[in-house]
Amino acid sequence: MSRKPPSTRAPAKRPSVKPKRRAQNSRAVAKKKQPNVLDLAIAALPVSEATLHRMTVWGITGIAVASVLGVATIFGVPGIIGSAVAESVGRAGFRVEQVEVTGIKRADKMAVYNYALDQKSQAMPLVDLEEVRGKLMSIGWVADARVSRRLPDTLMIHIVERKAAAVWQHKGQLMLIDAEGVLLEPVSAEAMPDLPLVIGDGAYAQQPAYQRLLDAAPALKPLVKAATWIGNRRWDLSFNTGERLALPEGEADAAKALTKFAELDGADRLLGRGYMRFDMRDPTRLVVRMPGQVVRKTIETASVGE
């Protein structure tokens, strides 16, 4: 039995088929990812991504700290627990490291810094802003003070200063005072500013009443050089022309007498004529003293009493 010789034909090859690319990969290659609005906004910020990250962390931490302290206050957490939390916040970076002061021209700047930093703890949550303000208000030049925190580490202080309105002279000492009679600071005779002079024991405390007195006769106000508080009850006014005017006791009576004197000076020009002293303590007459003689002139009381 004969066998067929083996076939020498090569086996047929199957046609090769390339695998299809995934549509998803094709789209990713063909089209770049478009940035969204948030990405564009972040890219436009003038800070680096690292800085932005730190700012975000501080913001979240600040909100968390405020929330913890707020809840502790509402539910009456004991002070020792609140202090412990606040100290932890301080160790995390929320503590007073610098003080920024604005509005100062005459006040002692070092005193402001010392009061601001005079705290039992430098942790921001434990800084008593009202206590700091109270200390600042004890400085003579300070009329008002605003204290606030700027997280994470700055205490902001804005000072509103008083204005010098007069100089108080007492027992050879000179002191600047404001319109309310608040003592500001000593001043030497050489550095004395061009301000009205009030003289006598307790005269500084009468500064508001003295200003009202001068307002009663505005024409005379620029001519008054000094005012002396006599016996803690009345004023003598000294004019820059050299004369002295004695006024009666009582704010209302003194204002009426000064108004009448202004009328007489406007009519007869009393100032600058060599008189030494005028006395209007008696509302019915004006007593004029000249070198070597005294002249008494009856005045109309109707004008004085109006």
C-alpha atoms as a PDB file:
ATOM      1  CA  MET A   1       0.000   0.000   0.000  1.00  0.00           C
ATOM      2  CA  SER A   2       1.567   3.119  -1.146  1.00  0.00           C
ATOM      3  CA  ARG A   3       1.511   6.332   1.002  1.00  0.00           C
ATOM      4  CA  LYS A   4       1.090   9.795  -0.427  1.00  0.00           C
ATOM      5  CA  PRO A   5       4.130  11.912  -0.070  1.00  0.00           C
ATOM      6  CA  PRO A   6       3.717  14.799   2.403  1.00  0.00           C
ATOM      7  CA  SER A   7       2.435  18.076   0.947  1.00  0.00           C
ATOM      8  CA  THR A   8       5.015  20.784   0.470  1.00  0.00           C
ATOM      9  CA  ARG A   9       2.428  23.686   0.250  1.00  0.00           C
ATOM     10  CA  ALA A  10       2.922  26.410   2.900  1.00  0.00           C
ATOM     11  CA  PRO A  11       0.010  26.974   5.194  1.00  0.00           C
ATOM     12  CA  ALA A  12      -2.171  29.906   4.264  1.00  0.00           C
ATOM     13  CA  LYS A  13      -1.561  33.107   6.305  1.00  0.00           C
ATOM     14  CA  ARG A  14      -4.423  34.888   7.999  1.00  0.00           C
ATOM     15  CA  PRO A  15      -4.758  38.520   7.060  1.00  0.00           C
ATOM     16  CA  SER A  16      -3.368  40.735   9.846  1.00  0.00           C
ATOM     17  CA  VAL A  17      -5.856  43.159  11.337  1.00  0.00           C
ATOM     18  CA  LYS A  18      -4.567  46.221  13.265  1.00  0.00           C
ATOM     19  CA  PRO A  19      -6.377  46.796  16.545  1.00  0.00           C
ATOM     20  CA  LYS A  20      -8.547  49.849  16.623  1.00  0.00           C
ATOM     21  CA  ARG A  21      -7.380  52.673  18.825  1.00  0.00           C
ATOM     22  CA  ARG A  22      -9.627  53.542  21.661  1.00  0.00           C
ATOM     23  CA  ALA A  23     -11.772  56.474  20.821  1.00  0.00           C
ATOM     24  CA  GLN A  24     -10.992  57.992  24.182  1.00  0.00           C
ATOM     25  CA  ASN A  25      -7.207  57.989  23.551  1.00  0.00           C
ATOM     26  CA  SER A  26      -7.746  59.361  20.073  1.00  0.00           C
ATOM     27  CA  ARG A  27      -9.745  62.305  21.394  1.00  0.00           C
ATOM     28  CA  ALA A  28      -7.129  63.010  24.115  1.00  0.00           C
ATOM     29  CA  VAL A  29      -4.355  63.207  21.510  1.00  0.00           C
ATOM     30  CA  ALA A  30      -6.373  65.188  19.008  1.00  0.00           C
ATOM     31  CA  LYS A  31      -7.660  67.782  21.489  1.00  0.00           C
ATOM     32  CA  LYS A  32      -5.901  69.372  24.443  1.00  0.00           C
ATOM     33  CA  LYS A  33      -7.702  69.863  27.703  1.00  0.00           C
ATOM     34  CA  GLN A  34      -9.327  73.313  27.894  1.00  0.00           C
ATOM     35  CA  PRO A  35      -8.681  75.279  31.153  1.00  0.00           C
ATOM     36  CA  ASN A  36     -11.767  76.169  33.144  1.00  0.00           C
ATOM     37  CA  VAL A  37     -12.630  79.579  34.656  1.00  0.00           C
ATOM     38  CA  LEU A  38     -11.171  78.703  38.079  1.00  0.00           C
ATOM     39  CA  ASP A  39      -7.824  77.716  36.531  1.00  0.00           C
ATOM     40  CA  LEU A  40      -7.691  81.006  34.618  1.00  0.00           C
ATOM     41  CA  ALA A  41      -8.527  83.017  37.755  1.00  0.00           C
ATOM     42  CA  ILE A  42      -5.813  81.314  39.799  1.00  0.00           C
ATOM     43  CA  ALA A  43      -3.266  81.824  37.036  1.00  0.00           C
ATOM     44  CA  ALA A  44      -4.091  85.541  36.940  1.00  0.00           C
ATOM     45  CA  LEU A  45      -3.296  86.049  40.653  1.00  0.00           C
ATOM     46  CA  PRO A  46       0.037  87.865  41.301  1.00  0.00           C
ATOM     47  CA  VAL A  47       1.185  85.157  43.732  1.00  0.00           C
ATOM     48  CA  SER A  48       2.797  81.802  43.332  1.00  0.00           C
ATOM     49  CA  GLU A  49       0.957  78.550  43.855  1.00  0.00           C
ATOM     50  CA  ALA A  50       2.974  77.922  47.017  1.00  0.00           C
ATOM     51  CA  THR A  51       1.987  81.319  48.447  1.00  0.00           C
ATOM     52  CA  LEU A  52      -1.628  80.740  47.500  1.00  0.00           C
ATOM     53  CA  HIS A  53      -1.512  77.395  49.271  1.00  0.00           C
ATOM     54  CA  ARG A  54      -0.139  78.993  52.448  1.00  0.00           C
ATOM     55  CA  MET A  55      -2.813  81.698  52.330  1.00  0.00           C
ATOM     56  CA  THR A  56      -5.491  79.060  52.000  1.00  0.00           C
ATOM     57  CA  VAL A  57      -4.111  77.127  54.965  1.00  0.00           C
ATOM     58  CA  TRP A  58      -3.994  80.291  57.116  1.00  0.00           C
ATOM     59  CA  GLY A  59      -7.542  81.163  56.114  1.00  0.00           C
ATOM     60  CA  ILE A  60      -8.891  77.747  56.986  1.00  0.00           C
ATOM     61  CA  THR A  61      -6.958  77.756  60.252  1.00  0.00           C
ATOM     62  CA  GLY A  62      -8.269  81.219  61.124  1.00  0.00           C
ATOM     63  CA  ILE A  63     -11.866  80.182  60.501  1.00  0.00           C
ATOM     64  CA  ALA A  64     -11.357  77.069  62.591  1.00  0.00           C
ATOM     65  CA  VAL A  65      -9.848  79.064  65.442  1.00  0.00           C
ATOM     66  CA  ALA A  66     -12.674  81.598  65.396  1.00  0.00           C
ATOM     67  CA  SER A  67     -15.233  78.796  65.376  1.00  0.00           C
ATOM     68  CA  VAL A  68     -13.622  76.996  68.325  1.00  0.00           C
ATOM     69  CA  LEU A  69     -13.403  80.148  70.417  1.00  0.00           C
ATOM     70  CA  GLY A  70     -16.941  81.152  69.492  1.00  0.00           C
ATOM     71  CA  VAL A  71     -18.375  77.793  70.518  1.00  0.00           C
ATOM     72  CA  ALA A  72     -16.348  77.882  73.736  1.00  0.00           C
ATOM     73  CA  THR A  73     -17.798  81.289  74.583  1.00  0.00           C
ATOM     74  CA  ILE A  74     -21.378  80.330  73.783  1.00  0.00           C
ATOM     75  CA  PHE A  75     -21.349  77.133  75.808  1.00  0.00           C
ATOM     76  CA  GLY A  76     -19.384  78.599  78.705  1.00  0.00           C
ATOM     77  CA  VAL A  77     -16.245  76.515  78.456  1.00  0.00           C
ATOM     78  CA  PRO A  78     -14.124  77.273  81.529  1.00  0.00           C
ATOM     79  CA  GLY A  79     -11.537  80.000  81.087  1.00  0.00           C
ATOM     80  CA  ILE A  80      -8.622  77.669  81.639  1.00  0.00           C
ATOM     81  CA  ILE A  81      -9.718  75.522  78.667  1.00  0.00           C
ATOM     82  CA  GLY A  82     -10.259  78.611  76.508  1.00  0.00           C
ATOM     83  CA  SER A  83      -6.817  79.916  77.459  1.00  0.00           C
ATOM     84  CA  ALA A  84      -5.229  76.590  76.619  1.00  0.00           C
ATOM     85  CA  VAL A  85      -6.885  76.614  73.198  1.00  0.00           C
ATOM     86  CA  ALA A  86      -5.797  80.212  72.644  1.00  0.00           C
ATOM     87  CA  GLU A  87      -2.217  79.422  73.606  1.00  0.00           C
ATOM     88  CA  SER A  88      -2.235  76.540  71.125  1.00  0.00           C
ATOM     89  CA  VAL A  89      -3.434  78.954  68.470  1.00  0.00           C
ATOM     90  CA  GLY A  90      -0.591  81.299  69.417  1.00  0.00           C
ATOM     91  CA  ARG A  91       1.967  78.524  69.047  1.00  0.00           C
ATOM     92  CA  ALA A  92       0.518  77.827  65.600  1.00  0.00           C
ATOM     93  CA  GLY A  93       1.600  81.316  64.519  1.00  0.00           C
ATOM     94  CA  PHE A  94      -1.287  83.529  65.654  1.00  0.00           C
ATOM     95  CA  ARG A  95       0.636  85.690  68.140  1.00  0.00           C
ATOM     96  CA  VAL A  96       1.633  89.351  68.319  1.00  0.00           C
ATOM     97  CA  GLU A  97       4.915  89.789  66.497  1.00  0.00           C
ATOM     98  CA  GLN A  98       4.573  93.403  65.394  1.00  0.00           C
ATOM     99  CA  VAL A  99       2.588  96.574  66.188  1.00  0.00           C
ATOM    100  CA  GLU A 100       1.643  99.136  63.538  1.00  0.00           C
ATOM    101  CA  VAL A 101       0.792 102.628  64.849  1.00  0.00           C
ATOM    102  CA  THR A 102      -0.708 105.476  62.814  1.00  0.00           C
ATOM    103  CA  GLY A 103      -1.918 108.998  63.633  1.00  0.00           C
ATOM    104  CA  ILE A 104       0.879 109.945  66.061  1.00  0.00           C
ATOM    105  CA  LYS A 105       2.542 113.367  65.892  1.00  0.00           C
ATOM    106  CA  ARG A 106       2.948 114.560  69.479  1.00  0.00           C
ATOM    107  CA  ALA A 107       2.210 111.551  71.698  1.00  0.00           C
ATOM    108  CA  ASP A 108       5.009 109.362  73.072  1.00  0.00           C
ATOM    109  CA  LYS A 109       5.289 106.549  70.505  1.00  0.00           C
ATOM    110  CA  MET A 110       7.306 104.300  72.820  1.00  0.00           C
ATOM    111  CA  ALA A 111       4.557 104.550  75.456  1.00  0.00           C
ATOM    112  CA  VAL A 112       2.049 103.387  72.836  1.00  0.00           C
ATOM    113  CA  TYR A 113       4.221 100.370  71.947  1.00  0.00           C
ATOM    114  CA  ASN A 114       4.779  99.506  75.606  1.00  0.00           C
ATOM    115  CA  TYR A 115       1.053  99.551  76.374  1.00  0.00           C
ATOM    116  CA  ALA A 116       0.293  97.478  73.281  1.00  0.00           C
ATOM    117  CA  LEU A 117       2.804  94.787  74.226  1.00  0.00           C
ATOM    118  CA  ASP A 118       2.032  94.798  77.952  1.00  0.00           C
ATOM    119  CA  GLN A 119       0.028  91.562  77.786  1.00  0.00           C
ATOM    120  CA  LYS A 120      -0.012  88.422  79.918  1.00  0.00           C
ATOM    121  CA  SER A 121       0.120  86.438  76.681  1.00  0.00           C
ATOM    122  CA  GLN A 122       1.078  87.357  73.137  1.00  0.00           C
ATOM    123  CA  ALA A 123      -1.394  84.829  71.662  1.00  0.00           C
ATOM    124  CA  MET A 124      -3.741  86.806  69.411  1.00  0.00           C
ATOM    125  CA  PRO A 125      -7.015  85.452  70.902  1.00  0.00           C
ATOM    126  CA  LEU A 126      -5.891  86.471  74.416  1.00  0.00           C
ATOM    127  CA  VAL A 127      -5.047  90.104  73.570  1.00  0.00           C
ATOM    128  CA  ASP A 128      -7.664  92.289  75.316  1.00  0.00           C
ATOM    129  CA  LEU A 129      -8.269  95.082  72.816  1.00  0.00           C
ATOM    130  CA  GLU A 130     -10.402  97.145  75.227  1.00  0.00           C
ATOM    131  CA  GLU A 131      -7.743  96.915  77.908  1.00  0.00           C
ATOM    132  CA  VAL A 132      -5.095  98.114  75.461  1.00  0.00           C
ATOM    133  CA  ARG A 133      -7.338 101.006  74.418  1.00  0.00           C
ATOM    134  CA  GLY A 134      -7.938 101.961  78.052  1.00  0.00           C
ATOM    135  CA  LYS A 135      -4.205 102.174  78.691  1.00  0.00           C
ATOM    136  CA  LEU A 136      -3.670 104.273  75.563  1.00  0.00           C
ATOM    137  CA  MET A 137      -6.385 106.700  76.656  1.00  0.00           C
ATOM    138  CA  SER A 138      -4.299 107.534  79.745  1.00  0.00           C
ATOM    139  CA  ILE A 139      -1.695 109.241  77.508  1.00  0.00           C
ATOM    140  CA  GLY A 140      -2.290 113.003  77.631  1.00  0.00           C
ATOM    141  CA  TRP A 141      -2.186 113.640  73.887  1.00  0.00           C
ATOM    142  CA  VAL A 142      -4.532 110.749  73.035  1.00  0.00           C
ATOM    143  CA  ALA A 143      -8.144 111.840  72.425  1.00  0.00           C
ATOM    144  CA  ASP A 144      -9.188 108.469  70.998  1.00  0.00           C
ATOM    145  CA  ALA A 145      -7.599 105.144  70.077  1.00  0.00           C
ATOM    146  CA  ARG A 146      -8.730 102.287  67.853  1.00  0.00           C
ATOM    147  CA  VAL A 147      -7.152  98.873  68.365  1.00  0.00           C
ATOM    148  CA  SER A 148      -7.673  95.854  66.113  1.00  0.00           C
ATOM    149  CA  ARG A 149      -6.056  92.577  65.061  1.00  0.00           C
ATOM    150  CA  ARG A 150      -4.664  91.823  61.622  1.00  0.00           C
ATOM    151  CA  LEU A 151      -4.058  88.108  61.426  1.00  0.00           C
ATOM    152  CA  PRO A 152      -1.851  86.319  61.764  1.00  0.00           C
ATOM    153  CA  ASP A 153       0.578  88.430  63.830  1.00  0.00           C
ATOM    154  CA  THR A 154      -0.070  92.205  63.760  1.00  0.00           C
ATOM    155  CA  LEU A 155      -1.756  94.537  66.240  1.00  0.00           C
ATOM    156  CA  MET A 156      -3.119  97.668  64.514  1.00  0.00           C
ATOM    157  CA  ILE A 157      -3.397 100.939  66.504  1.00  0.00           C
ATOM    158  CA  HIS A 158      -4.737 104.255  65.205  1.00  0.00           C
ATOM    159  CA  ILE A 159      -4.363 107.310  67.445  1.00  0.00           C
ATOM    160  CA  VAL A 160      -6.488 110.476  67.320  1.00  0.00           C
ATOM    161  CA  GLU A 161      -4.550 113.244  69.049  1.00  0.00           C
ATOM    162  CA  ARG A 162      -5.736 116.280  70.983  1.00  0.00           C
ATOM    163  CA  LYS A 163      -4.906 119.807  69.870  1.00  0.00           C
ATOM    164  CA  ALA A 164      -3.220 122.322  72.141  1.00  0.00           C
ATOM    165  CA  ALA A 165      -5.551 125.293  72.762  1.00  0.00           C
ATOM    166  CA  ALA A 166      -3.801 127.239  75.536  1.00  0.00           C
ATOM    167  CA  VAL A 167      -0.864 127.326  77.934  1.00  0.00           C
ATOM    168  CA  TRP A 168      -1.475 127.004  81.665  1.00  0.00           C
ATOM    169  CA  GLN A 169       0.921 128.867  83.940  1.00  0.00           C
ATOM    170  CA  HIS A 170       1.109 127.861  87.583  1.00  0.00           C
ATOM    171  CA  LYS A 171       3.920 128.406  90.098  1.00  0.00           C
ATOM    172  CA  GLY A 172       6.384 129.242  87.358  1.00  0.00           C
ATOM    173  CA  GLN A 173       5.616 126.120  85.316  1.00  0.00           C
ATOM    174  CA  LEU A 174       4.087 126.087  81.838  1.00  0.00           C
ATOM    175  CA  MET A 175       1.844 123.282  80.556  1.00  0.00           C
ATOM    176  CA  LEU A 176       0.065 122.803  77.244  1.00  0.00           C
ATOM    177  CA  ILE A 177      -3.674 122.110  77.593  1.00  0.00           C
ATOM    178  CA  ASP A 178      -6.429 121.392  75.080  1.00  0.00           C
ATOM    179  CA  ALA A 179      -9.834 123.062  74.736  1.00  0.00           C
ATOM    180  CA  GLU A 180     -11.290 120.726  77.368  1.00  0.00           C
ATOM    181  CA  GLY A 181      -8.592 121.550  79.905  1.00  0.00           C
ATOM    182  CA  VAL A 182      -6.743 118.230  79.562  1.00  0.00           C
ATOM    183  CA  LEU A 183      -3.069 118.512  80.508  1.00  0.00           C
ATOM    184  CA  LEU A 184      -0.886 117.593  77.542  1.00  0.00           C
ATOM    185  CA  GLU A 185       2.789 118.176  78.278  1.00  0.00           C
ATOM    186  CA  PRO A 186       5.154 120.717  79.877  1.00  0.00           C
ATOM    187  CA  VAL A 187       6.637 123.406  77.657  1.00  0.00           C
ATOM    188  CA  SER A 188       9.529 125.792  78.190  1.00  0.00           C
ATOM    189  CA  ALA A 189       9.181 129.565  77.967  1.00  0.00           C
ATOM    190  CA  GLU A 190      11.568 129.569  74.998  1.00  0.00           C
ATOM    191  CA  ALA A 191       9.454 127.033  73.085  1.00  0.00           C
ATOM    192  CA  MET A 192       6.084 128.444  74.150  1.00  0.00           C
ATOM    193  CA  PRO A 193       3.696 128.472  71.150  1.00  0.00           C
ATOM    194  CA  ASP A 194       1.509 131.409  70.169  1.00  0.00           C
ATOM    195  CA  LEU A 195      -1.469 130.345  72.280  1.00  0.00           C
ATOM    196  CA  PRO A 196      -3.610 132.080  74.942  1.00  0.00           C
ATOM    197  CA  LEU A 197      -2.204 131.986  78.469  1.00  0.00           C
ATOM    198  CA  VAL A 198      -4.346 131.012  81.465  1.00  0.00           C
ATOM    199  CA  ILE A 199      -2.896 131.678  84.896  1.00  0.00           C
ATOM    200  CA  GLY A 200      -3.740 130.523  88.392  1.00  0.00           C
ATOM    201  CA  ASP A 201      -4.519 127.531  90.529  1.00  0.00           C
ATOM    202  CA  GLY A 202      -7.059 125.310  88.747  1.00  0.00           C
ATOM    203  CA  ALA A 203      -7.256 127.594  85.703  1.00  0.00           C
ATOM    204  CA  TYR A 204      -6.695 124.655  83.327  1.00  0.00           C
ATOM    205  CA  ALA A 205      -9.952 123.031  84.500  1.00  0.00           C
ATOM    206  CA  GLN A 206     -11.837 126.241  83.604  1.00  0.00           C
ATOM    207  CA  GLN A 207     -10.687 126.140  79.992  1.00  0.00           C
ATOM    208  CA  PRO A 208     -14.087 125.164  78.501  1.00  0.00           C
ATOM    209  CA  ALA A 209     -15.843 127.964  80.437  1.00  0.00           C
ATOM    210  CA  TYR A 210     -13.104 130.397  79.442  1.00  0.00           C
ATOM    211  CA  GLN A 211     -13.592 129.554  75.754  1.00  0.00           C
ATOM    212  CA  ARG A 212     -17.326 130.192  76.088  1.00  0.00           C
ATOM    213  CA  LEU A 213     -16.553 133.521  77.765  1.00  0.00           C
ATOM    214  CA  LEU A 214     -14.389 134.680  74.856  1.00  0.00           C
ATOM    215  CA  ASP A 215     -17.017 133.514  72.366  1.00  0.00           C
ATOM    216  CA  ALA A 216     -19.414 136.008  73.953  1.00  0.00           C
ATOM    217  CA  ALA A 217     -17.276 138.886  72.576  1.00  0.00           C
ATOM    218  CA  PRO A 218     -15.594 137.659  69.367  1.00  0.00           C
ATOM    219  CA  ALA A 219     -14.270 141.162  68.533  1.00  0.00           C
ATOM    220  CA  LEU A 220     -12.165 141.154  71.708  1.00  0.00           C
ATOM    221  CA  LYS A 221     -11.004 137.547  71.470  1.00  0.00           C
ATOM    222  CA  PRO A 222      -7.870 138.205  69.345  1.00  0.00           C
ATOM    223  CA  LEU A 223      -6.872 141.060  71.694  1.00  0.00           C
ATOM    224  CA  VAL A 224      -6.805 138.950  74.869  1.00  0.00           C
ATOM    225  CA  LYS A 225      -3.239 137.991  75.778  1.00  0.00           C
ATOM    226  CA  ALA A 226      -3.864 136.155  79.050  1.00  0.00           C
ATOM    227  CA  ALA A 227      -6.535 135.329  81.603  1.00  0.00           C
ATOM    228  CA  THR A 228      -6.007 134.943  85.342  1.00  0.00           C
ATOM    229  CA  TRP A 229      -8.348 132.771  87.399  1.00  0.00           C
ATOM    230  CA  ILE A 230      -8.840 134.730  90.638  1.00  0.00           C
ATOM    231  CA  GLY A 231      -9.735 132.968  93.895  1.00  0.00           C
ATOM    232  CA  ASN A 232     -11.220 130.021  92.004  1.00  0.00           C
ATOM    233  CA  ARG A 233     -14.279 132.130  91.233  1.00  0.00           C
ATOM    234  CA  ARG A 234     -13.728 134.782  88.501  1.00  0.00           C
ATOM    235  CA  TRP A 235     -11.497 136.035  85.656  1.00  0.00           C
ATOM    236  CA  ASP A 236      -9.199 138.982  85.059  1.00  0.00           C
ATOM    237  CA  LEU A 237      -8.392 139.448  81.355  1.00  0.00           C
ATOM    238  CA  SER A 238      -5.124 141.011  80.144  1.00  0.00           C
ATOM    239  CA  PHE A 239      -5.072 142.619  76.695  1.00  0.00           C
ATOM    240  CA  ASN A 240      -2.104 142.857  74.358  1.00  0.00           C
ATOM    241  CA  THR A 241      -2.392 146.669  74.620  1.00  0.00           C
ATOM    242  CA  GLY A 242      -1.448 146.439  78.316  1.00  0.00           C
ATOM    243  CA  GLU A 243      -4.805 146.936  80.082  1.00  0.00           C
ATOM    244  CA  ARG A 244      -6.473 144.562  82.554  1.00  0.00           C
ATOM    245  CA  LEU A 245     -10.228 143.931  82.869  1.00  0.00           C
ATOM    246  CA  ALA A 246     -11.806 142.564  86.063  1.00  0.00           C
ATOM    247  CA  LEU A 247     -14.980 140.541  85.430  1.00  0.00           C
ATOM    248  CA  PRO A 248     -17.673 139.507  87.930  1.00  0.00           C
ATOM    249  CA  GLU A 249     -18.221 136.034  89.335  1.00  0.00           C
ATOM    250  CA  GLY A 250     -20.472 133.570  87.519  1.00  0.00           C
ATOM    251  CA  GLU A 251     -20.215 132.468  83.927  1.00  0.00           C
ATOM    252  CA  ALA A 252     -23.378 134.227  82.747  1.00  0.00           C
ATOM    253  CA  ASP A 253     -22.593 137.533  84.508  1.00  0.00           C
ATOM    254  CA  ALA A 254     -19.015 137.498  83.250  1.00  0.00           C
ATOM    255  CA  ALA A 255     -20.194 136.954  79.660  1.00  0.00           C
ATOM    256  CA  LYS A 256     -22.692 139.843  79.934  1.00  0.00           C
ATOM    257  CA  ALA A 257     -20.034 142.163  81.361  1.00  0.00           C
ATOM    258  CA  LEU A 258     -17.534 141.272  78.640  1.00  0.00           C
ATOM    259  CA  THR A 259     -20.162 141.813  75.941  1.00  0.00           C
ATOM    260  CA  LYS A 260     -20.925 145.257  77.399  1.00  0.00           C
ATOM    261  CA  PHE A 261     -17.240 146.124  77.551  1.00  0.00           C
ATOM    262  CA  ALA A 262     -16.921 145.214  73.865  1.00  0.00           C
ATOM    263  CA  GLU A 263     -19.787 147.619  73.096  1.00  0.00           C
ATOM    264  CA  LEU A 264     -18.138 150.440  75.081  1.00  0.00           C
ATOM    265  CA  ASP A 265     -14.781 149.826  73.440  1.00  0.00           C
ATOM    266  CA  GLY A 266     -16.412 149.890  70.023  1.00  0.00           C
ATOM    267  CA  ALA A 267     -18.084 153.222  70.823  1.00  0.00           C
ATOM    268  CA  ASP A 268     -15.348 155.040  72.811  1.00  0.00           C
ATOM    269  CA  ARG A 269     -12.201 153.012  72.044  1.00  0.00           C
ATOM    270  CA  LEU A 270     -11.134 152.175  75.573  1.00  0.00           C
ATOM    271  CA  LEU A 271      -8.210 149.933  74.684  1.00  0.00           C
ATOM    272  CA  GLY A 272      -4.879 151.414  73.634  1.00  0.00           C
ATOM    273  CA  ARG A 273      -5.446 154.859  75.193  1.00  0.00           C
ATOM    274  CA  GLY A 274      -3.184 154.574  78.221  1.00  0.00           C
ATOM    275  CA  TYR A 275      -5.663 153.199  80.749  1.00  0.00           C
ATOM    276  CA  MET A 276      -4.293 150.700  83.253  1.00  0.00           C
ATOM    277  CA  ARG A 277      -7.291 148.777  84.527  1.00  0.00           C
ATOM    278  CA  PHE A 278     -11.008 148.384  83.939  1.00  0.00           C
ATOM    279  CA  ASP A 279     -13.324 146.986  86.590  1.00  0.00           C
ATOM    280  CA  MET A 280     -16.788 145.692  85.697  1.00  0.00           C
ATOM    281  CA  ARG A 281     -17.540 143.632  88.782  1.00  0.00           C
ATOM    282  CA  ASP A 282     -20.358 146.092  89.513  1.00  0.00           C
ATOM    283  CA  PRO A 283     -22.832 145.645  86.614  1.00  0.00           C
ATOM    284  CA  THR A 284     -24.057 149.267  86.985  1.00  0.00           C
ATOM    285  CA  ARG A 285     -20.752 151.030  86.454  1.00  0.00           C
ATOM    286  CA  LEU A 286     -17.368 150.841  84.790  1.00  0.00           C
ATOM    287  CA  VAL A 287     -14.412 151.773  86.955  1.00  0.00           C
ATOM    288  CA  VAL A 288     -11.414 153.027  84.980  1.00  0.00           C
ATOM    289  CA  ARG A 289      -8.001 153.351  86.563  1.00  0.00           C
ATOM    290  CA  MET A 290      -5.394 155.641  85.020  1.00  0.00           C
ATOM    291  CA  PRO A 291      -1.996 156.576  86.374  1.00  0.00           C
ATOM    292  CA  GLY A 292      -2.696 158.720  89.434  1.00  0.00           C
ATOM    293  CA  GLN A 293      -6.510 158.705  89.248  1.00  0.00           C
ATOM    294  CA  VAL A 294      -9.661 156.595  89.203  1.00  0.00           C
ATOM    295  CA  VAL A 295     -12.688 157.396  87.018  1.00  0.00           C
ATOM    296  CA  ARG A 296     -16.099 155.850  87.617  1.00  0.00           C
ATOM    297  CA  LYS A 297     -18.533 155.852  84.746  1.00  0.00           C
ATOM    298  CA  THR A 298     -22.141 154.819  85.095  1.00  0.00           C
ATOM    299  CA  ILE A 299     -23.266 152.417  82.411  1.00  0.00           C
ATOM    300  CA  GLU A 300     -26.713 151.426  81.242  1.00  0.00           C
ATOM    301  CA  THR A 301     -27.648 148.222  82.988  1.00  0.00           C
ATOM    302  CA  ALA A 302     -30.209 147.372  80.310  1.00  0.00           C
ATOM    303  CA  SER A 303     -27.504 146.423  77.856  1.00  0.00           C
ATOM    304  CA  VAL A 304     -25.655 144.438  80.494  1.00  0.00           C
ATOM    305  CA  GLY A 305     -28.736 142.463  81.453  1.00  0.00           C
ATOM    306  CA  GLU A 306     -29.854 141.640  77.911  1.00  0.00           C
END
